[in-house]
Amino acid sequence: MRLSTATGIDTREGFEILYHFSYDKAGTYFTIKVLIPKENPKIKSITPIYIAANWIEREMHELLGIDFDGHPNLKPLLTSDDWPEDKYPLRRDYESHASEV
């Protein structure tokens, strides 16, 4: 099977990651759901196994603040160079600071 994509969601229970795998021969998808506690948002990176996870783990790290242990490069992809390190725009408690600019 191959990793198609992954989805990160901030829920009331914690951070959910949905890993979507495709079994192309059968035309089937499988999804594995993982719940990560908000108090310690860490999980092992799957990038060493599925290189396709590289960018999506970087995005989830940048936008939700999930740490992927063992990821080779969690450098931001989407936010500006001066973006505050402790602000995660896809978190439920995020408040935009656009009005301050």
Protein backbone atom coordinates (compact mmCIF):
# COMPACT_ATOMS: atom_id res chain seq x y z
CA MET A 1 0.00 0.00 0.00
CA ARG A 2 1.06 3.58 -0.46
CA LEU A 3 0.46 6.63 1.67
CA SER A 4 -1.91 8.93 -0.21
CA THR A 5 -2.04 11.71 2.37
CA ALA A 6 -2.65 12.42 6.02
CA THR A 7 -5.04 14.81 7.70
CA GLY A 8 -4.45 16.63 10.99
CA ILE A 9 -7.42 17.86 13.02
CA ASP A 10 -7.66 19.66 16.36
CA THR A 11 -10.62 18.07 18.18
CA ARG A 12 -11.91 18.47 21.72
CA GLU A 13 -10.36 15.11 22.62
CA GLY A 14 -6.90 15.88 21.21
CA PHE A 15 -5.12 16.08 17.88
CA GLU A 16 -6.28 13.48 15.39
CA ILE A 17 -4.14 12.34 12.52
CA LEU A 18 -5.86 10.35 9.80
CA TYR A 19 -3.38 8.42 7.67
CA HIS A 20 -4.94 7.54 4.30
CA PHE A 21 -3.44 4.55 2.48
CA SER A 22 -4.32 3.36 -1.00
CA TYR A 23 -4.27 -0.26 -2.10
CA ASP A 24 -4.23 0.45 -5.81
CA LYS A 25 -4.64 -3.15 -7.04
CA ALA A 26 -8.04 -3.38 -5.39
CA GLY A 27 -8.94 0.31 -5.72
CA THR A 28 -9.44 0.53 -1.96
CA TYR A 29 -8.51 3.08 0.69
CA PHE A 30 -7.71 2.41 4.32
CA THR A 31 -7.57 5.08 7.00
CA ILE A 32 -5.78 4.75 10.31
CA LYS A 33 -6.80 7.24 12.98
CA VAL A 34 -4.40 8.24 15.75
CA LEU A 35 -5.33 10.47 18.70
CA ILE A 36 -2.53 12.51 20.26
CA PRO A 37 -2.96 14.28 23.62
CA LYS A 38 -2.84 18.08 23.47
CA GLU A 39 -0.64 18.22 26.57
CA ASN A 40 2.16 16.42 24.74
CA PRO A 41 1.55 16.55 20.98
CA LYS A 42 4.23 14.09 19.85
CA ILE A 43 4.22 11.07 17.59
CA LYS A 44 6.85 9.13 15.69
CA SER A 45 7.37 10.29 12.15
CA ILE A 46 6.43 7.86 9.41
CA THR A 47 8.75 9.66 6.97
CA PRO A 48 11.52 7.06 7.41
CA ILE A 49 9.05 4.44 6.09
CA TYR A 50 6.93 6.59 3.73
CA ILE A 51 8.94 9.45 2.23
CA ALA A 52 5.63 10.87 0.95
CA ALA A 53 4.84 11.87 4.56
CA ASN A 54 7.62 14.47 4.56
CA TRP A 55 5.64 17.55 3.55
CA ILE A 56 2.36 16.68 5.25
CA GLU A 57 4.14 16.10 8.58
CA ARG A 58 5.89 19.44 8.12
CA GLU A 59 2.53 21.11 7.49
CA MET A 60 0.92 19.51 10.57
CA HIS A 61 3.92 20.54 12.68
CA GLU A 62 3.73 24.10 11.41
CA LEU A 63 -0.05 24.57 11.53
CA LEU A 64 -1.03 22.41 14.53
CA GLY A 65 2.18 22.19 16.56
CA ILE A 66 2.48 18.39 16.44
CA ASP A 67 6.07 17.18 16.89
CA PHE A 68 7.08 14.29 14.66
CA ASP A 69 9.92 12.46 16.38
CA GLY A 70 12.54 11.35 13.88
CA HIS A 71 11.43 13.64 11.05
CA PRO A 72 14.48 14.75 9.05
CA ASN A 73 13.46 18.42 8.61
CA LEU A 74 10.48 20.13 10.27
CA LYS A 75 11.24 23.46 8.56
CA PRO A 76 8.07 25.54 7.91
CA LEU A 77 6.51 25.41 4.45
CA LEU A 78 3.61 27.88 4.55
CA THR A 79 4.15 30.61 7.13
CA SER A 80 6.45 33.60 6.76
CA ASP A 81 9.96 33.64 8.17
CA ASP A 82 8.90 36.00 10.97
CA TRP A 83 5.91 33.84 12.04
CA PRO A 84 5.89 33.30 15.85
CA GLU A 85 6.99 29.78 16.80
CA ASP A 86 4.21 29.34 19.37
CA LYS A 87 1.28 30.27 17.08
CA TYR A 88 -0.52 27.45 15.28
CA PRO A 89 -3.25 28.72 12.93
CA LEU A 90 -5.21 25.44 12.68
CA ARG A 91 -5.63 25.01 16.43
CA ARG A 92 -9.08 25.56 17.88
CA ASP A 93 -7.73 28.16 20.33
CA TYR A 94 -5.86 30.19 17.68
CA GLU A 95 -6.69 33.87 17.60
CA SER A 96 -5.63 35.86 14.58
CA HIS A 97 -3.39 38.81 15.30
CA ALA A 98 -4.10 40.46 11.95
CA SER A 99 -5.87 43.35 13.67
CA GLU A 100 -2.61 44.26 15.45
CA VAL A 101 -0.74 44.79 12.18
